[in-house]
Amino acid sequence: MKGQTHEEILESKDFKRGDQVAYIPGHAQDINSPDAEFGFVTSTDSEHVFARYWHKGMPHGRLRTVANSERTPMRRLIHFDYIDQAIVDELLSRLAQQEKRVEKTVVAQ
């Protein structure tokens, strides 16, 4: 699937929960770099996108970042559909359930 070039990177307001993204490090030339990371957005703020990234070589459901999302500068992200969106949607649903359980635990304490 075709993503955008580095020059076409969008502002954070254009990213939303569930969007698939590619992170292109500053030293990388483009999305074809072996250092590019693929993942999906969990939330945003005015300057950053928070994302979960796939374990390299095992993109279909195995997350590299299992404990939390990683804050990523929006200028280093592009929209890029990497896997079936249904996989992302299912993971986001599970993450939301986990967040609710954590909130209930914190409130109960």
PDB file of N, CA and C in Angstrom:
ATOM      1  N   MET A   1       0.843  -1.186   0.000  1.00  0.00           N
ATOM      2  CA  MET A   1       0.000   0.000   0.000  1.00  0.00           C
ATOM      3  C   MET A   1       0.879   1.236   0.000  1.00  0.00           C
ATOM      4  N   LYS A   2       0.376   2.270  -0.611  1.00  0.00           N
ATOM      5  CA  LYS A   2       1.188   3.458  -0.774  1.00  0.00           C
ATOM      6  C   LYS A   2       0.915   4.470   0.329  1.00  0.00           C
ATOM      7  N   GLY A   3       1.970   4.964   0.972  1.00  0.00           N
ATOM      8  CA  GLY A   3       1.865   6.008   1.980  1.00  0.00           C
ATOM      9  C   GLY A   3       2.307   7.335   1.386  1.00  0.00           C
ATOM     10  N   GLN A   4       2.385   8.336   2.216  1.00  0.00           N
ATOM     11  CA  GLN A   4       2.815   9.651   1.774  1.00  0.00           C
ATOM     12  C   GLN A   4       4.325   9.779   1.858  1.00  0.00           C
ATOM     13  N   THR A   5       4.856  10.725   1.120  1.00  0.00           N
ATOM     14  CA  THR A   5       6.279  11.007   1.221  1.00  0.00           C
ATOM     15  C   THR A   5       6.521  11.815   2.480  1.00  0.00           C
ATOM     16  N   HIS A   6       7.785  11.903   2.872  1.00  0.00           N
ATOM     17  CA  HIS A   6       8.151  12.644   4.079  1.00  0.00           C
ATOM     18  C   HIS A   6       7.704  14.104   3.985  1.00  0.00           C
ATOM     19  N   GLU A   7       7.716  14.665   2.794  1.00  0.00           N
ATOM     20  CA  GLU A   7       7.320  16.068   2.599  1.00  0.00           C
ATOM     21  C   GLU A   7       5.827  16.286   2.777  1.00  0.00           C
ATOM     22  N   GLU A   8       5.047  15.218   2.736  1.00  0.00           N
ATOM     23  CA  GLU A   8       3.596  15.335   2.841  1.00  0.00           C
ATOM     24  C   GLU A   8       3.066  15.024   4.236  1.00  0.00           C
ATOM     25  N   ILE A   9       3.947  15.022   5.206  1.00  0.00           N
ATOM     26  CA  ILE A   9       3.545  14.700   6.572  1.00  0.00           C
ATOM     27  C   ILE A   9       2.495  15.697   7.056  1.00  0.00           C
ATOM     28  N   LEU A  10       1.508  15.187   7.745  1.00  0.00           N
ATOM     29  CA  LEU A  10       0.389  16.005   8.181  1.00  0.00           C
ATOM     30  C   LEU A  10       0.568  16.477   9.612  1.00  0.00           C
ATOM     31  N   GLU A  11      -0.226  17.478   9.995  1.00  0.00           N
ATOM     32  CA  GLU A  11      -0.209  17.960  11.367  1.00  0.00           C
ATOM     33  C   GLU A  11      -0.949  16.989  12.266  1.00  0.00           C
ATOM     34  N   SER A  12      -0.663  17.076  13.567  1.00  0.00           N
ATOM     35  CA  SER A  12      -1.240  16.140  14.530  1.00  0.00           C
ATOM     36  C   SER A  12      -2.760  16.094  14.468  1.00  0.00           C
ATOM     37  N   LYS A  13      -3.394  17.209  14.205  1.00  0.00           N
ATOM     38  CA  LYS A  13      -4.855  17.226  14.169  1.00  0.00           C
ATOM     39  C   LYS A  13      -5.392  16.314  13.068  1.00  0.00           C
ATOM     40  N   ASP A  14      -4.553  15.955  12.105  1.00  0.00           N
ATOM     41  CA  ASP A  14      -4.973  15.078  11.033  1.00  0.00           C
ATOM     42  C   ASP A  14      -4.833  13.600  11.396  1.00  0.00           C
ATOM     43  N   PHE A  15      -4.208  13.330  12.538  1.00  0.00           N
ATOM     44  CA  PHE A  15      -4.091  11.954  13.007  1.00  0.00           C
ATOM     45  C   PHE A  15      -5.183  11.704  14.041  1.00  0.00           C
ATOM     46  N   LYS A  16      -5.736  10.509  13.997  1.00  0.00           N
ATOM     47  CA  LYS A  16      -6.753  10.156  14.984  1.00  0.00           C
ATOM     48  C   LYS A  16      -6.539   8.717  15.440  1.00  0.00           C
ATOM     49  N   ARG A  17      -7.138   8.405  16.558  1.00  0.00           N
ATOM     50  CA  ARG A  17      -7.039   7.062  17.131  1.00  0.00           C
ATOM     51  C   ARG A  17      -7.398   6.030  16.065  1.00  0.00           C
ATOM     52  N   GLY A  18      -6.522   5.042  15.906  1.00  0.00           N
ATOM     53  CA  GLY A  18      -6.761   3.977  14.944  1.00  0.00           C
ATOM     54  C   GLY A  18      -6.067   4.156  13.610  1.00  0.00           C
ATOM     55  N   ASP A  19      -5.602   5.364  13.319  1.00  0.00           N
ATOM     56  CA  ASP A  19      -4.873   5.569  12.060  1.00  0.00           C
ATOM     57  C   ASP A  19      -3.590   4.749  12.069  1.00  0.00           C
ATOM     58  N   GLN A  20      -3.308   4.101  10.967  1.00  0.00           N
ATOM     59  CA  GLN A  20      -2.044   3.393  10.832  1.00  0.00           C
ATOM     60  C   GLN A  20      -0.983   4.381  10.368  1.00  0.00           C
ATOM     61  N   VAL A  21       0.214   4.243  10.924  1.00  0.00           N
ATOM     62  CA  VAL A  21       1.283   5.198  10.643  1.00  0.00           C
ATOM     63  C   VAL A  21       2.615   4.489  10.437  1.00  0.00           C
ATOM     64  N   ALA A  22       3.517   5.232   9.828  1.00  0.00           N
ATOM     65  CA  ALA A  22       4.912   4.818   9.731  1.00  0.00           C
ATOM     66  C   ALA A  22       5.745   5.924  10.345  1.00  0.00           C
ATOM     67  N   TYR A  23       6.672   5.532  11.210  1.00  0.00           N
ATOM     68  CA  TYR A  23       7.616   6.465  11.822  1.00  0.00           C
ATOM     69  C   TYR A  23       8.905   6.397  11.009  1.00  0.00           C
ATOM     70  N   ILE A  24       9.357   7.555  10.541  1.00  0.00           N
ATOM     71  CA  ILE A  24      10.590   7.631   9.772  1.00  0.00           C
ATOM     72  C   ILE A  24      11.601   8.436  10.583  1.00  0.00           C
ATOM     73  N   PRO A  25      12.620   7.755  11.139  1.00  0.00           N
ATOM     74  CA  PRO A  25      13.614   8.467  11.946  1.00  0.00           C
ATOM     75  C   PRO A  25      14.333   9.546  11.134  1.00  0.00           C
ATOM     76  N   GLY A  26      14.896  10.521  11.830  1.00  0.00           N
ATOM     77  CA  GLY A  26      15.568  11.637  11.168  1.00  0.00           C
ATOM     78  C   GLY A  26      16.718  11.225  10.263  1.00  0.00           C
ATOM     79  N   HIS A  27      17.395  10.143  10.589  1.00  0.00           N
ATOM     80  CA  HIS A  27      18.533   9.707   9.779  1.00  0.00           C
ATOM     81  C   HIS A  27      18.107   8.888   8.563  1.00  0.00           C
ATOM     82  N   ALA A  28      16.845   8.488   8.506  1.00  0.00           N
ATOM     83  CA  ALA A  28      16.361   7.648   7.410  1.00  0.00           C
ATOM     84  C   ALA A  28      15.963   8.498   6.214  1.00  0.00           C
ATOM     85  N   GLN A  29      16.159   7.965   5.057  1.00  0.00           N
ATOM     86  CA  GLN A  29      15.804   8.673   3.822  1.00  0.00           C
ATOM     87  C   GLN A  29      14.301   8.633   3.541  1.00  0.00           C
ATOM     88  N   ASP A  30      13.700   7.478   3.778  1.00  0.00           N
ATOM     89  CA  ASP A  30      12.284   7.323   3.454  1.00  0.00           C
ATOM     90  C   ASP A  30      11.710   6.095   4.161  1.00  0.00           C
ATOM     91  N   ILE A  31      10.507   5.752   3.799  1.00  0.00           N
ATOM     92  CA  ILE A  31       9.793   4.650   4.433  1.00  0.00           C
ATOM     93  C   ILE A  31      10.440   3.296   4.178  1.00  0.00           C
ATOM     94  N   ASN A  32      11.276   3.203   3.177  1.00  0.00           N
ATOM     95  CA  ASN A  32      11.942   1.934   2.854  1.00  0.00           C
ATOM     96  C   ASN A  32      13.150   1.655   3.738  1.00  0.00           C
ATOM     97  N   SER A  33      13.498   2.575   4.597  1.00  0.00           N
ATOM     98  CA  SER A  33      14.620   2.382   5.510  1.00  0.00           C
ATOM     99  C   SER A  33      14.325   1.206   6.447  1.00  0.00           C
ATOM    100  N   PRO A  34      15.338   0.392   6.747  1.00  0.00           N
ATOM    101  CA  PRO A  34      15.112  -0.690   7.711  1.00  0.00           C
ATOM    102  C   PRO A  34      14.818  -0.169   9.119  1.00  0.00           C
ATOM    103  N   ASP A  35      15.058   1.106   9.362  1.00  0.00           N
ATOM    104  CA  ASP A  35      14.789   1.697  10.667  1.00  0.00           C
ATOM    105  C   ASP A  35      13.384   2.281  10.793  1.00  0.00           C
ATOM    106  N   ALA A  36      12.621   2.287   9.710  1.00  0.00           N
ATOM    107  CA  ALA A  36      11.233   2.760   9.777  1.00  0.00           C
ATOM    108  C   ALA A  36      10.440   1.816  10.672  1.00  0.00           C
ATOM    109  N   GLU A  37       9.488   2.381  11.420  1.00  0.00           N
ATOM    110  CA  GLU A  37       8.638   1.603  12.327  1.00  0.00           C
ATOM    111  C   GLU A  37       7.185   1.775  11.891  1.00  0.00           C
ATOM    112  N   PHE A  38       6.419   0.712  12.011  1.00  0.00           N
ATOM    113  CA  PHE A  38       5.023   0.750  11.613  1.00  0.00           C
ATOM    114  C   PHE A  38       4.142   0.487  12.818  1.00  0.00           C
ATOM    115  N   GLY A  39       3.032   1.204  12.890  1.00  0.00           N
ATOM    116  CA  GLY A  39       2.153   1.047  14.033  1.00  0.00           C
ATOM    117  C   GLY A  39       0.835   1.750  13.825  1.00  0.00           C
ATOM    118  N   PHE A  40       0.202   2.130  14.952  1.00  0.00           N
ATOM    119  CA  PHE A  40      -1.085   2.809  14.883  1.00  0.00           C
ATOM    120  C   PHE A  40      -1.221   3.792  16.034  1.00  0.00           C
ATOM    121  N   VAL A  41      -2.039   4.813  15.806  1.00  0.00           N
ATOM    122  CA  VAL A  41      -2.246   5.902  16.760  1.00  0.00           C
ATOM    123  C   VAL A  41      -3.192   5.458  17.868  1.00  0.00           C
ATOM    124  N   THR A  42      -2.795   5.791  19.111  1.00  0.00           N
ATOM    125  CA  THR A  42      -3.700   5.560  20.244  1.00  0.00           C
ATOM    126  C   THR A  42      -4.268   6.877  20.762  1.00  0.00           C
ATOM    127  N   SER A  43      -3.518   7.988  20.617  1.00  0.00           N
ATOM    128  CA  SER A  43      -4.007   9.316  20.999  1.00  0.00           C
ATOM    129  C   SER A  43      -3.053  10.366  20.446  1.00  0.00           C
ATOM    130  N   THR A  44      -3.442  11.642  20.604  1.00  0.00           N
ATOM    131  CA  THR A  44      -2.618  12.754  20.112  1.00  0.00           C
ATOM    132  C   THR A  44      -2.668  13.920  21.090  1.00  0.00           C
ATOM    133  N   ASP A  45      -1.676  14.809  20.980  1.00  0.00           N
ATOM    134  CA  ASP A  45      -1.761  16.128  21.605  1.00  0.00           C
ATOM    135  C   ASP A  45      -1.350  17.129  20.529  1.00  0.00           C
ATOM    136  N   SER A  46      -1.050  18.358  20.894  1.00  0.00           N
ATOM    137  CA  SER A  46      -0.797  19.387  19.881  1.00  0.00           C
ATOM    138  C   SER A  46       0.495  19.180  19.087  1.00  0.00           C
ATOM    139  N   GLU A  47       1.448  18.436  19.630  1.00  0.00           N
ATOM    140  CA  GLU A  47       2.729  18.273  18.950  1.00  0.00           C
ATOM    141  C   GLU A  47       3.142  16.826  18.723  1.00  0.00           C
ATOM    142  N   HIS A  48       2.466  15.909  19.367  1.00  0.00           N
ATOM    143  CA  HIS A  48       2.893  14.522  19.318  1.00  0.00           C
ATOM    144  C   HIS A  48       1.740  13.583  19.003  1.00  0.00           C
ATOM    145  N   VAL A  49       2.122  12.447  18.510  1.00  0.00           N
ATOM    146  CA  VAL A  49       1.183  11.354  18.310  1.00  0.00           C
ATOM    147  C   VAL A  49       1.658  10.230  19.221  1.00  0.00           C
ATOM    148  N   PHE A  50       0.752   9.614  19.932  1.00  0.00           N
ATOM    149  CA  PHE A  50       1.084   8.468  20.772  1.00  0.00           C
ATOM    150  C   PHE A  50       0.682   7.221  20.001  1.00  0.00           C
ATOM    151  N   ALA A  51       1.635   6.313  19.837  1.00  0.00           N
ATOM    152  CA  ALA A  51       1.394   5.155  18.978  1.00  0.00           C
ATOM    153  C   ALA A  51       1.949   3.878  19.591  1.00  0.00           C
ATOM    154  N   ARG A  52       1.392   2.788  19.165  1.00  0.00           N
ATOM    155  CA  ARG A  52       1.923   1.461  19.458  1.00  0.00           C
ATOM    156  C   ARG A  52       2.554   0.976  18.163  1.00  0.00           C
ATOM    157  N   TYR A  53       3.684   0.314  18.292  1.00  0.00           N
ATOM    158  CA  TYR A  53       4.411  -0.146  17.113  1.00  0.00           C
ATOM    159  C   TYR A  53       4.498  -1.661  17.075  1.00  0.00           C
ATOM    160  N   TRP A  54       4.483  -2.187  15.850  1.00  0.00           N
ATOM    161  CA  TRP A  54       4.562  -3.626  15.636  1.00  0.00           C
ATOM    162  C   TRP A  54       5.984  -4.121  15.853  1.00  0.00           C
ATOM    163  N   HIS A  55       6.071  -5.313  16.365  1.00  0.00           N
ATOM    164  CA  HIS A  55       7.364  -5.984  16.489  1.00  0.00           C
ATOM    165  C   HIS A  55       7.859  -6.247  15.065  1.00  0.00           C
ATOM    166  N   LYS A  56       9.089  -5.845  14.759  1.00  0.00           N
ATOM    167  CA  LYS A  56       9.607  -6.025  13.399  1.00  0.00           C
ATOM    168  C   LYS A  56       9.633  -7.503  13.038  1.00  0.00           C
ATOM    169  N   GLY A  57       9.188  -7.774  11.832  1.00  0.00           N
ATOM    170  CA  GLY A  57       9.164  -9.147  11.352  1.00  0.00           C
ATOM    171  C   GLY A  57       7.933  -9.928  11.780  1.00  0.00           C
ATOM    172  N   MET A  58       7.120  -9.369  12.667  1.00  0.00           N
ATOM    173  CA  MET A  58       5.897 -10.034  13.130  1.00  0.00           C
ATOM    174  C   MET A  58       4.787  -9.004  13.259  1.00  0.00           C
ATOM    175  N   PRO A  59       4.366  -8.423  12.164  1.00  0.00           N
ATOM    176  CA  PRO A  59       3.437  -7.295  12.237  1.00  0.00           C
ATOM    177  C   PRO A  59       1.993  -7.644  12.559  1.00  0.00           C
ATOM    178  N   HIS A  60       1.604  -8.875  12.393  1.00  0.00           N
ATOM    179  CA  HIS A  60       0.178  -9.198  12.475  1.00  0.00           C
ATOM    180  C   HIS A  60      -0.276  -9.536  13.884  1.00  0.00           C
ATOM    181  N   GLY A  61      -0.369  -8.492  14.700  1.00  0.00           N
ATOM    182  CA  GLY A  61      -0.931  -8.659  16.025  1.00  0.00           C
ATOM    183  C   GLY A  61       0.067  -8.690  17.164  1.00  0.00           C
ATOM    184  N   ARG A  62       1.342  -8.697  16.888  1.00  0.00           N
ATOM    185  CA  ARG A  62       2.323  -8.698  17.973  1.00  0.00           C
ATOM    186  C   ARG A  62       2.916  -7.303  18.120  1.00  0.00           C
ATOM    187  N   LEU A  63       2.625  -6.688  19.248  1.00  0.00           N
ATOM    188  CA  LEU A  63       3.101  -5.339  19.493  1.00  0.00           C
ATOM    189  C   LEU A  63       4.488  -5.339  20.120  1.00  0.00           C
ATOM    190  N   ARG A  64       5.318  -4.422  19.687  1.00  0.00           N
ATOM    191  CA  ARG A  64       6.619  -4.222  20.311  1.00  0.00           C
ATOM    192  C   ARG A  64       6.446  -3.462  21.617  1.00  0.00           C
ATOM    193  N   THR A  65       5.525  -2.532  21.625  1.00  0.00           N
ATOM    194  CA  THR A  65       5.271  -1.689  22.791  1.00  0.00           C
ATOM    195  C   THR A  65       4.012  -2.190  23.493  1.00  0.00           C
ATOM    196  N   VAL A  66       4.187  -3.062  24.476  1.00  0.00           N
ATOM    197  CA  VAL A  66       3.023  -3.669  25.112  1.00  0.00           C
ATOM    198  C   VAL A  66       2.568  -2.944  26.375  1.00  0.00           C
ATOM    199  N   ALA A  67       3.463  -2.225  27.044  1.00  0.00           N
ATOM    200  CA  ALA A  67       3.100  -1.581  28.305  1.00  0.00           C
ATOM    201  C   ALA A  67       2.409  -0.242  28.105  1.00  0.00           C
ATOM    202  N   ASN A  68       2.794   0.483  27.071  1.00  0.00           N
ATOM    203  CA  ASN A  68       2.207   1.804  26.842  1.00  0.00           C
ATOM    204  C   ASN A  68       2.497   2.270  25.420  1.00  0.00           C
ATOM    205  N   SER A  69       1.871   3.368  25.063  1.00  0.00           N
ATOM    206  CA  SER A  69       2.114   3.972  23.753  1.00  0.00           C
ATOM    207  C   SER A  69       3.385   4.811  23.813  1.00  0.00           C
ATOM    208  N   GLU A  70       3.982   5.013  22.654  1.00  0.00           N
ATOM    209  CA  GLU A  70       5.199   5.811  22.583  1.00  0.00           C
ATOM    210  C   GLU A  70       4.886   7.187  22.001  1.00  0.00           C
ATOM    211  N   ARG A  71       5.385   8.214  22.673  1.00  0.00           N
ATOM    212  CA  ARG A  71       5.211   9.581  22.175  1.00  0.00           C
ATOM    213  C   ARG A  71       6.147   9.767  20.992  1.00  0.00           C
ATOM    214  N   THR A  72       5.573  10.183  19.883  1.00  0.00           N
ATOM    215  CA  THR A  72       6.321  10.312  18.640  1.00  0.00           C
ATOM    216  C   THR A  72       6.093  11.701  18.058  1.00  0.00           C
ATOM    217  N   PRO A  73       7.161  12.405  17.672  1.00  0.00           N
ATOM    218  CA  PRO A  73       6.963  13.718  17.052  1.00  0.00           C
ATOM    219  C   PRO A  73       6.169  13.580  15.751  1.00  0.00           C
ATOM    220  N   MET A  74       5.132  14.391  15.610  1.00  0.00           N
ATOM    221  CA  MET A  74       4.274  14.258  14.430  1.00  0.00           C
ATOM    222  C   MET A  74       5.041  14.500  13.138  1.00  0.00           C
ATOM    223  N   ARG A  75       6.103  15.276  13.191  1.00  0.00           N
ATOM    224  CA  ARG A  75       6.851  15.570  11.963  1.00  0.00           C
ATOM    225  C   ARG A  75       7.566  14.341  11.415  1.00  0.00           C
ATOM    226  N   ARG A  76       7.641  13.279  12.210  1.00  0.00           N
ATOM    227  CA  ARG A  76       8.317  12.047  11.793  1.00  0.00           C
ATOM    228  C   ARG A  76       7.337  10.950  11.378  1.00  0.00           C
ATOM    229  N   LEU A  77       6.053  11.263  11.349  1.00  0.00           N
ATOM    230  CA  LEU A  77       5.035  10.269  11.017  1.00  0.00           C
ATOM    231  C   LEU A  77       4.356  10.564   9.695  1.00  0.00           C
ATOM    232  N   ILE A  78       3.997   9.496   9.025  1.00  0.00           N
ATOM    233  CA  ILE A  78       3.133   9.595   7.850  1.00  0.00           C
ATOM    234  C   ILE A  78       2.020   8.567   8.001  1.00  0.00           C
ATOM    235  N   HIS A  79       0.900   8.844   7.380  1.00  0.00           N
ATOM    236  CA  HIS A  79      -0.159   7.839   7.329  1.00  0.00           C
ATOM    237  C   HIS A  79       0.331   6.719   6.411  1.00  0.00           C
ATOM    238  N   PHE A  80       0.160   5.488   6.858  1.00  0.00           N
ATOM    239  CA  PHE A  80       0.594   4.358   6.041  1.00  0.00           C
ATOM    240  C   PHE A  80      -0.152   3.115   6.488  1.00  0.00           C
ATOM    241  N   ASP A  81      -1.028   2.594   5.623  1.00  0.00           N
ATOM    242  CA  ASP A  81      -1.778   1.377   5.932  1.00  0.00           C
ATOM    243  C   ASP A  81      -0.853   0.186   5.733  1.00  0.00           C
ATOM    244  N   TYR A  82      -0.562  -0.500   6.838  1.00  0.00           N
ATOM    245  CA  TYR A  82       0.415  -1.576   6.837  1.00  0.00           C
ATOM    246  C   TYR A  82      -0.227  -2.956   6.922  1.00  0.00           C
ATOM    247  N   ILE A  83      -1.309  -3.060   7.709  1.00  0.00           N
ATOM    248  CA  ILE A  83      -1.998  -4.337   7.875  1.00  0.00           C
ATOM    249  C   ILE A  83      -3.501  -4.116   7.796  1.00  0.00           C
ATOM    250  N   ASP A  84      -4.242  -5.182   7.887  1.00  0.00           N
ATOM    251  CA  ASP A  84      -5.700  -5.121   7.859  1.00  0.00           C
ATOM    252  C   ASP A  84      -6.188  -4.250   9.025  1.00  0.00           C
ATOM    253  N   GLN A  85      -7.014  -3.280   8.751  1.00  0.00           N
ATOM    254  CA  GLN A  85      -7.510  -2.360   9.769  1.00  0.00           C
ATOM    255  C   GLN A  85      -8.279  -3.084  10.861  1.00  0.00           C
ATOM    256  N   ALA A  86      -8.878  -4.230  10.551  1.00  0.00           N
ATOM    257  CA  ALA A  86      -9.630  -4.985  11.559  1.00  0.00           C
ATOM    258  C   ALA A  86      -8.711  -5.427  12.706  1.00  0.00           C
ATOM    259  N   ILE A  87      -7.456  -5.719  12.430  1.00  0.00           N
ATOM    260  CA  ILE A  87      -6.500  -6.108  13.468  1.00  0.00           C
ATOM    261  C   ILE A  87      -6.257  -4.931  14.405  1.00  0.00           C
ATOM    262  N   VAL A  88      -6.075  -3.755  13.831  1.00  0.00           N
ATOM    263  CA  VAL A  88      -5.862  -2.547  14.631  1.00  0.00           C
ATOM    264  C   VAL A  88      -7.090  -2.257  15.483  1.00  0.00           C
ATOM    265  N   ASP A  89      -8.261  -2.333  14.884  1.00  0.00           N
ATOM    266  CA  ASP A  89      -9.498  -2.054  15.611  1.00  0.00           C
ATOM    267  C   ASP A  89      -9.683  -3.010  16.791  1.00  0.00           C
ATOM    268  N   GLU A  90      -9.363  -4.289  16.601  1.00  0.00           N
ATOM    269  CA  GLU A  90      -9.484  -5.274  17.674  1.00  0.00           C
ATOM    270  C   GLU A  90      -8.511  -4.948  18.807  1.00  0.00           C
ATOM    271  N   LEU A  91      -7.281  -4.611  18.478  1.00  0.00           N
ATOM    272  CA  LEU A  91      -6.306  -4.261  19.511  1.00  0.00           C
ATOM    273  C   LEU A  91      -6.720  -3.009  20.274  1.00  0.00           C
ATOM    274  N   LEU A  92      -7.238  -2.019  19.574  1.00  0.00           N
ATOM    275  CA  LEU A  92      -7.704  -0.803  20.248  1.00  0.00           C
ATOM    276  C   LEU A  92      -8.861  -1.114  21.200  1.00  0.00           C
ATOM    277  N   SER A  93      -9.721  -2.016  20.808  1.00  0.00           N
ATOM    278  CA  SER A  93     -10.828  -2.417  21.676  1.00  0.00           C
ATOM    279  C   SER A  93     -10.293  -3.076  22.950  1.00  0.00           C
ATOM    280  N   ARG A  94      -9.310  -3.953  22.804  1.00  0.00           N
ATOM    281  CA  ARG A  94      -8.702  -4.595  23.969  1.00  0.00           C
ATOM    282  C   ARG A  94      -7.990  -3.579  24.857  1.00  0.00           C
ATOM    283  N   LEU A  95      -7.295  -2.645  24.240  1.00  0.00           N
ATOM    284  CA  LEU A  95      -6.601  -1.611  25.016  1.00  0.00           C
ATOM    285  C   LEU A  95      -7.590  -0.769  25.806  1.00  0.00           C
ATOM    286  N   ALA A  96      -8.718  -0.428  25.197  1.00  0.00           N
ATOM    287  CA  ALA A  96      -9.741   0.358  25.895  1.00  0.00           C
ATOM    288  C   ALA A  96     -10.279  -0.405  27.091  1.00  0.00           C
ATOM    289  N   GLN A  97     -10.482  -1.707  26.952  1.00  0.00           N
ATOM    290  CA  GLN A  97     -10.952  -2.522  28.070  1.00  0.00           C
ATOM    291  C   GLN A  97      -9.927  -2.543  29.199  1.00  0.00           C
ATOM    292  N   GLN A  98      -8.650  -2.669  28.848  1.00  0.00           N
ATOM    293  CA  GLN A  98      -7.590  -2.661  29.860  1.00  0.00           C
ATOM    294  C   GLN A  98      -7.544  -1.324  30.586  1.00  0.00           C
ATOM    295  N   GLU A  99      -7.688  -0.224  29.836  1.00  0.00           N
ATOM    296  CA  GLU A  99      -7.659   1.107  30.443  1.00  0.00           C
ATOM    297  C   GLU A  99      -8.805   1.266  31.436  1.00  0.00           C
ATOM    298  N   LYS A 100      -9.983   0.755  31.108  1.00  0.00           N
ATOM    299  CA  LYS A 100     -11.126   0.843  32.018  1.00  0.00           C
ATOM    300  C   LYS A 100     -10.869   0.064  33.301  1.00  0.00           C
ATOM    301  N   ARG A 101     -10.252  -1.114  33.170  1.00  0.00           N
ATOM    302  CA  ARG A 101      -9.942  -1.913  34.360  1.00  0.00           C
ATOM    303  C   ARG A 101      -8.944  -1.190  35.256  1.00  0.00           C
ATOM    304  N   VAL A 102      -7.958  -0.557  34.652  1.00  0.00           N
ATOM    305  CA  VAL A 102      -6.956   0.188  35.422  1.00  0.00           C
ATOM    306  C   VAL A 102      -7.610   1.366  36.132  1.00  0.00           C
ATOM    307  N   GLU A 103      -8.478   2.095  35.435  1.00  0.00           N
ATOM    308  CA  GLU A 103      -9.170   3.235  36.047  1.00  0.00           C
ATOM    309  C   GLU A 103      -9.997   2.782  37.249  1.00  0.00           C
ATOM    310  N   LYS A 104     -10.705   1.672  37.128  1.00  0.00           N
ATOM    311  CA  LYS A 104     -11.510   1.174  38.247  1.00  0.00           C
ATOM    312  C   LYS A 104     -10.625   0.809  39.429  1.00  0.00           C
ATOM    313  N   THR A 105      -9.479   0.218  39.160  1.00  0.00           N
ATOM    314  CA  THR A 105      -8.547  -0.151  40.228  1.00  0.00           C
ATOM    315  C   THR A 105      -8.014   1.071  40.934  1.00  0.00           C
ATOM    316  N   VAL A 106      -7.648   2.090  40.182  1.00  0.00           N
ATOM    317  CA  VAL A 106      -7.109   3.326  40.764  1.00  0.00           C
ATOM    318  C   VAL A 106      -8.170   4.028  41.603  1.00  0.00           C
ATOM    319  N   VAL A 107      -9.375   4.102  41.103  1.00  0.00           N
ATOM    320  CA  VAL A 107     -10.471   4.757  41.824  1.00  0.00           C
ATOM    321  C   VAL A 107     -10.768   3.990  43.115  1.00  0.00           C
ATOM    322  N   ALA A 108     -10.720   2.679  43.074  1.00  0.00           N
ATOM    323  CA  ALA A 108     -11.030   1.866  44.243  1.00  0.00           C
ATOM    324  C   ALA A 108      -9.978   2.036  45.361  1.00  0.00           C
ATOM    325  N   GLN A 109      -8.787   2.404  44.972  1.00  0.00           N
ATOM    326  CA  GLN A 109      -7.736   2.573  45.976  1.00  0.00           C
ATOM    327  C   GLN A 109      -7.918   3.901  46.635  1.00  0.00           C
TER     328      GLN A 109
END
